[in-house]
Amino acid sequence: MNFYSESLKLHHNTFVLLRDLIQERTGLFFEENKMDILADKLSPLVIERGFGSFLDYYYLLKYDEDAAEEWGKVVDVLTVQETFFWREVDQIRTVADVIVPRHFEAFPEKPFQIWSVPCATGEEPLSIAMALDQKGCFGRYPIRILGADISPSAIGKAHRGLYRERAFRNLPAALKERYFTREGDLWRVDETLQSRIQWGLLNLLDEASPLIPDQVPVIFCRNVFIYFTPPTIRRVVKMFYERMPVPGYLFVAASESLLKLTTDFELQEIGGAFVYVKK
């Protein structure tokens, strides 16, 4: 349903105010030609609050002391939570087949962290856990997987561990049978696999958050930089760099590139997948 109408019109000056505030708080940026899209996404929230204008809603988000809960609703409607298991699996296999074994050959007792951010509804970290479990890594090595996202709705779904059929369109049938149990129209993830992951609600721009891990050698940050401006990407990548040991491995989506934005990482091919490696 299209909630955006002339009765609730987003004027350009208000669009700029909202757009800049949203970028400041979340990193998400809406180009000029996306004004109607932003209006359509926010209209239900404006109406729910009983406001007659987007400007009233802007004042709520910017100045109200109790706006934190409202910001959760904003990121829920603005973020794309569509993903699936075994997405760009060549990168996941590189972690399970090459990077993790290489680490424990050098440091047999040293714990290893993998961070998936944003993790959306959990398919990516669960795919990583499946790949590691298939290699027998959890029984031999101290591995910690972290999944974080800015969307309360997405993290809530990840916690519940229930997925629709569409999420399995790329997952081999044998893995679906091994790690999931049917519940009506949904599939529940295996409790043991689910327990391998620690979920958290996190805004990547909140660099002081205690949920941002230190000394994390593998970071998956896929399909989010396409929504950020170059300065915001540089800021987030710098934060990743500072939190990584050497070597550190940053995985972005195939459609994303950091080559023109940073010299802190070197693009390498490892195990058949491309990865940015901290020098």
Protein backbone atom coordinates (compact mmCIF):
# COMPACT_ATOMS: atom_id res chain seq x y z
CA MET A 1 0.00 0.00 0.00
CA ASN A 2 1.25 3.48 -0.86
CA PHE A 3 0.75 5.70 2.20
CA TYR A 4 2.30 8.74 0.55
CA SER A 5 -0.31 11.18 -0.72
CA GLU A 6 -0.83 14.88 -1.26
CA SER A 7 -2.50 15.07 2.19
CA LEU A 8 0.87 14.18 3.74
CA LYS A 9 3.35 15.76 1.39
CA LEU A 10 7.09 15.67 1.98
CA HIS A 11 8.41 19.06 0.93
CA HIS A 12 11.96 19.27 -0.33
CA ASN A 13 13.30 21.34 2.56
CA THR A 14 11.89 18.84 5.07
CA PHE A 15 13.23 15.96 2.99
CA VAL A 16 16.74 17.42 3.27
CA LEU A 17 16.38 17.79 7.04
CA LEU A 18 15.14 14.22 7.45
CA ARG A 19 17.63 12.75 5.00
CA ASP A 20 20.60 14.42 6.70
CA LEU A 21 19.41 13.42 10.17
CA ILE A 22 18.92 9.81 9.09
CA GLN A 23 22.37 9.73 7.55
CA GLU A 24 23.92 11.26 10.67
CA ARG A 25 22.29 8.70 12.96
CA THR A 26 22.35 5.55 10.79
CA GLY A 27 24.68 6.09 7.83
CA LEU A 28 21.86 5.42 5.36
CA PHE A 29 21.72 8.04 2.62
CA PHE A 30 18.82 8.86 0.31
CA GLU A 31 19.65 10.58 -2.98
CA GLU A 32 17.47 13.41 -4.28
CA ASN A 33 15.64 11.03 -6.60
CA LYS A 34 14.66 8.85 -3.62
CA MET A 35 12.52 11.49 -1.90
CA ASP A 36 9.23 9.75 -2.73
CA ILE A 37 10.64 6.41 -1.52
CA LEU A 38 11.64 7.94 1.82
CA ALA A 39 8.23 9.58 2.14
CA ASP A 40 6.44 6.31 1.40
CA LYS A 41 8.48 4.40 3.98
CA LEU A 42 8.06 6.98 6.74
CA SER A 43 4.41 7.89 6.11
CA PRO A 44 2.94 5.05 8.22
CA LEU A 45 5.09 6.12 11.17
CA VAL A 46 4.05 9.77 10.80
CA ILE A 47 0.38 8.74 10.66
CA GLU A 48 0.79 6.36 13.60
CA ARG A 49 2.05 9.27 15.70
CA GLY A 50 -0.95 11.37 14.71
CA PHE A 51 1.20 14.03 13.06
CA GLY A 52 0.02 16.17 10.18
CA SER A 53 3.44 16.74 8.65
CA PHE A 54 6.85 15.19 8.15
CA LEU A 55 8.35 18.25 9.83
CA ASP A 56 6.60 17.33 13.09
CA TYR A 57 8.12 13.87 12.80
CA TYR A 58 11.56 15.34 12.18
CA TYR A 59 11.29 17.36 15.41
CA LEU A 60 10.33 14.21 17.29
CA LEU A 61 13.33 12.27 15.96
CA LYS A 62 15.80 15.07 16.54
CA TYR A 63 14.71 16.58 19.84
CA ASP A 64 12.44 14.23 21.79
CA GLU A 65 14.17 12.68 24.80
CA ASP A 66 12.23 9.44 24.25
CA ALA A 67 12.97 9.11 20.52
CA ALA A 68 15.16 6.00 20.86
CA GLU A 69 12.23 3.61 20.43
CA GLU A 70 11.02 5.61 17.44
CA TRP A 71 14.44 5.36 15.81
CA GLY A 72 14.11 1.58 16.08
CA LYS A 73 10.93 1.79 14.01
CA VAL A 74 12.64 4.07 11.50
CA VAL A 75 15.52 1.69 10.86
CA ASP A 76 13.09 -1.22 10.65
CA VAL A 77 11.26 0.40 7.73
CA LEU A 78 14.37 1.78 6.03
CA THR A 79 16.71 -1.22 6.13
CA VAL A 80 16.63 -4.06 3.63
CA GLN A 81 16.27 -7.35 5.50
CA GLU A 82 15.96 -9.59 2.45
CA THR A 83 18.76 -12.16 2.44
CA PHE A 84 19.20 -15.93 2.25
CA PHE A 85 21.39 -18.81 3.39
CA TRP A 86 24.61 -19.66 1.53
CA ARG A 87 24.77 -16.22 -0.12
CA GLU A 88 28.14 -15.62 -1.86
CA VAL A 89 29.23 -18.87 -0.27
CA ASP A 90 32.73 -18.78 -1.79
CA GLN A 91 33.71 -16.24 0.89
CA ILE A 92 32.26 -18.38 3.65
CA ARG A 93 34.14 -21.43 2.36
CA THR A 94 37.37 -19.45 2.35
CA VAL A 95 36.93 -18.76 6.07
CA ALA A 96 36.13 -22.38 6.91
CA ASP A 97 38.64 -24.02 4.55
CA VAL A 98 41.61 -21.64 4.72
CA ILE A 99 41.54 -18.80 7.24
CA VAL A 100 40.37 -20.66 10.35
CA PRO A 101 42.70 -23.70 9.85
CA ARG A 102 45.60 -21.35 9.12
CA HIS A 103 44.96 -19.45 12.35
CA PHE A 104 44.85 -22.55 14.55
CA GLU A 105 47.93 -24.04 12.93
CA ALA A 106 49.81 -20.95 14.12
CA PHE A 107 47.94 -20.41 17.40
CA PRO A 108 46.33 -23.69 18.57
CA GLU A 109 44.84 -22.27 21.79
CA LYS A 110 44.06 -18.69 20.72
CA PRO A 111 40.29 -18.00 20.38
CA PHE A 112 39.05 -16.88 16.99
CA GLN A 113 36.24 -14.37 16.41
CA ILE A 114 34.06 -13.86 13.34
CA TRP A 115 31.78 -10.82 13.15
CA SER A 116 28.80 -10.54 10.80
CA VAL A 117 27.56 -6.95 10.65
CA PRO A 118 24.95 -6.11 9.59
CA CYS A 119 23.63 -9.64 9.93
CA ALA A 120 19.99 -8.84 9.01
CA THR A 121 17.79 -11.75 10.14
CA GLY A 122 20.71 -14.08 10.78
CA GLU A 123 21.16 -16.10 7.60
CA GLU A 124 24.78 -15.02 7.09
CA PRO A 125 26.23 -15.92 10.54
CA LEU A 126 24.23 -19.15 10.54
CA SER A 127 25.69 -20.02 7.13
CA ILE A 128 29.17 -19.40 8.53
CA ALA A 129 28.37 -21.62 11.52
CA MET A 130 27.12 -24.38 9.21
CA ALA A 131 30.30 -24.26 7.13
CA LEU A 132 32.49 -24.43 10.23
CA ASP A 133 30.42 -27.23 11.72
CA GLN A 134 30.71 -29.23 8.51
CA LYS A 135 34.49 -28.98 8.88
CA GLY A 136 34.36 -30.15 12.50
CA CYS A 137 35.80 -26.86 13.71
CA PHE A 138 33.60 -26.37 16.77
CA GLY A 139 34.73 -29.57 18.42
CA ARG A 140 38.39 -28.69 18.00
CA TYR A 141 38.73 -24.93 18.15
CA PRO A 142 37.55 -22.04 20.38
CA ILE A 143 35.50 -20.06 17.84
CA ARG A 144 33.08 -17.22 18.60
CA ILE A 145 30.61 -15.90 16.02
CA LEU A 146 28.94 -12.52 16.54
CA GLY A 147 25.91 -11.27 14.62
CA ALA A 148 24.82 -7.64 14.90
CA ASP A 149 22.33 -5.39 13.15
CA ILE A 150 20.82 -1.94 13.59
CA SER A 151 17.26 -3.20 13.10
CA PRO A 152 15.40 -4.39 16.23
CA SER A 153 12.99 -6.33 14.02
CA ALA A 154 15.82 -8.14 12.21
CA ILE A 155 17.63 -9.10 15.41
CA GLY A 156 14.33 -10.26 16.90
CA LYS A 157 13.86 -12.64 13.96
CA ALA A 158 17.45 -13.85 14.27
CA HIS A 159 16.84 -14.63 17.95
CA ARG A 160 13.68 -16.59 17.12
CA GLY A 161 15.47 -18.67 14.49
CA LEU A 162 12.42 -19.24 12.28
CA TYR A 163 12.76 -18.90 8.51
CA ARG A 164 10.49 -19.00 5.48
CA GLU A 165 11.08 -21.25 2.50
CA ARG A 166 12.47 -18.37 0.43
CA ALA A 167 15.53 -18.11 2.69
CA PHE A 168 16.66 -21.59 1.59
CA ARG A 169 16.76 -21.01 -2.16
CA ASN A 170 20.55 -21.37 -2.29
CA LEU A 171 21.16 -23.83 0.57
CA PRO A 172 21.90 -27.48 -0.34
CA ALA A 173 18.99 -29.75 0.63
CA ALA A 174 21.24 -31.92 2.81
CA LEU A 175 22.20 -28.93 4.97
CA LYS A 176 18.60 -27.81 5.29
CA GLU A 177 17.64 -31.29 6.47
CA ARG A 178 20.58 -31.42 8.88
CA TYR A 179 20.15 -28.04 10.55
CA PHE A 180 16.45 -27.17 10.32
CA THR A 181 13.13 -28.64 11.48
CA ARG A 182 9.81 -27.79 9.90
CA GLU A 183 7.23 -25.94 12.00
CA GLY A 184 4.12 -25.32 9.91
CA ASP A 185 5.09 -22.97 7.08
CA LEU A 186 8.42 -22.11 8.74
CA TRP A 187 11.71 -23.84 9.50
CA ARG A 188 13.42 -23.66 12.90
CA VAL A 189 17.20 -23.65 13.12
CA ASP A 190 18.93 -26.34 15.18
CA GLU A 191 19.42 -25.18 18.78
CA THR A 192 23.07 -26.19 18.86
CA LEU A 193 23.85 -24.22 15.72
CA GLN A 194 21.88 -21.24 17.02
CA SER A 195 23.86 -21.33 20.27
CA ARG A 196 27.10 -20.80 18.33
CA ILE A 197 26.11 -17.19 17.64
CA GLN A 198 25.80 -14.20 19.93
CA TRP A 199 23.25 -11.70 18.61
CA GLY A 200 23.34 -7.98 19.32
CA LEU A 201 21.61 -4.73 18.37
CA LEU A 202 24.24 -2.34 17.03
CA ASN A 203 24.55 0.88 15.07
CA LEU A 204 27.85 0.82 13.16
CA LEU A 205 28.22 4.57 13.68
CA ASP A 206 28.18 4.12 17.46
CA GLU A 207 31.90 3.51 17.73
CA ALA A 208 31.80 3.60 21.54
CA SER A 209 29.38 0.67 21.74
CA PRO A 210 30.58 -2.20 23.95
CA LEU A 211 29.14 -4.59 21.34
CA ILE A 212 31.92 -3.70 18.90
CA PRO A 213 34.49 -6.47 19.47
CA ASP A 214 38.24 -6.02 19.73
CA GLN A 215 40.78 -8.20 17.98
CA VAL A 216 38.30 -9.69 15.53
CA PRO A 217 40.23 -11.18 12.58
CA VAL A 218 37.26 -11.83 10.26
CA ILE A 219 34.51 -9.32 9.54
CA PHE A 220 31.66 -9.86 7.09
CA CYS A 221 30.14 -6.50 6.15
CA ARG A 222 28.21 -7.23 2.99
CA ASN A 223 25.54 -5.28 1.13
CA VAL A 224 25.50 -2.23 3.38
CA PHE A 225 28.13 0.05 1.86
CA ILE A 226 25.89 0.49 -1.20
CA TYR A 227 23.63 2.59 1.08
CA PHE A 228 26.45 4.70 2.56
CA THR A 229 28.29 7.75 1.23
CA PRO A 230 32.08 7.45 0.68
CA PRO A 231 32.92 9.42 3.86
CA THR A 232 30.71 7.11 5.93
CA ILE A 233 32.28 4.03 4.33
CA ARG A 234 35.76 5.35 5.17
CA ARG A 235 34.68 5.94 8.76
CA VAL A 236 33.32 2.42 9.20
CA VAL A 237 36.28 0.77 7.44
CA LYS A 238 38.69 2.74 9.65
CA MET A 239 36.84 1.45 12.72
CA PHE A 240 37.11 -2.13 11.40
CA TYR A 241 40.83 -1.65 10.76
CA GLU A 242 41.46 -0.40 14.28
CA ARG A 243 39.61 -3.37 15.78
CA MET A 244 41.42 -6.02 13.73
CA PRO A 245 44.67 -7.85 14.43
CA VAL A 246 47.21 -8.59 11.71
CA PRO A 247 46.27 -10.36 9.56
CA GLY A 248 42.66 -9.25 9.43
CA TYR A 249 40.14 -10.19 6.76
CA LEU A 250 37.25 -7.98 5.65
CA PHE A 251 34.60 -9.47 3.36
CA VAL A 252 32.30 -7.16 1.41
CA ALA A 253 29.74 -8.05 -1.25
CA ALA A 254 30.83 -8.77 -4.81
CA SER A 255 29.05 -5.60 -5.94
CA GLU A 256 31.02 -3.43 -3.51
CA SER A 257 34.58 -2.14 -3.82
CA LEU A 258 36.88 -0.33 -1.40
CA LEU A 259 39.76 0.19 -3.82
CA LYS A 260 39.07 3.91 -4.35
CA LEU A 261 38.20 4.57 -0.72
CA THR A 262 41.01 3.18 1.43
CA THR A 263 44.60 2.02 1.29
CA ASP A 264 44.48 0.36 4.70
CA PHE A 265 43.45 -2.97 3.18
CA GLU A 266 44.90 -4.92 0.29
CA LEU A 267 42.58 -6.86 -2.01
CA GLN A 268 43.68 -10.49 -2.26
CA GLU A 269 42.30 -13.73 -3.63
CA ILE A 270 42.27 -16.46 -0.97
CA GLY A 271 40.76 -19.87 -1.53
CA GLY A 272 38.92 -18.70 -4.63
CA ALA A 273 37.32 -15.66 -2.99
CA PHE A 274 38.28 -11.99 -2.89
CA VAL A 275 38.94 -10.49 0.53
CA TYR A 276 40.39 -7.24 1.85
CA VAL A 277 43.38 -8.04 4.07
CA LYS A 278 44.74 -5.72 6.75
CA LYS A 279 48.37 -5.07 5.95
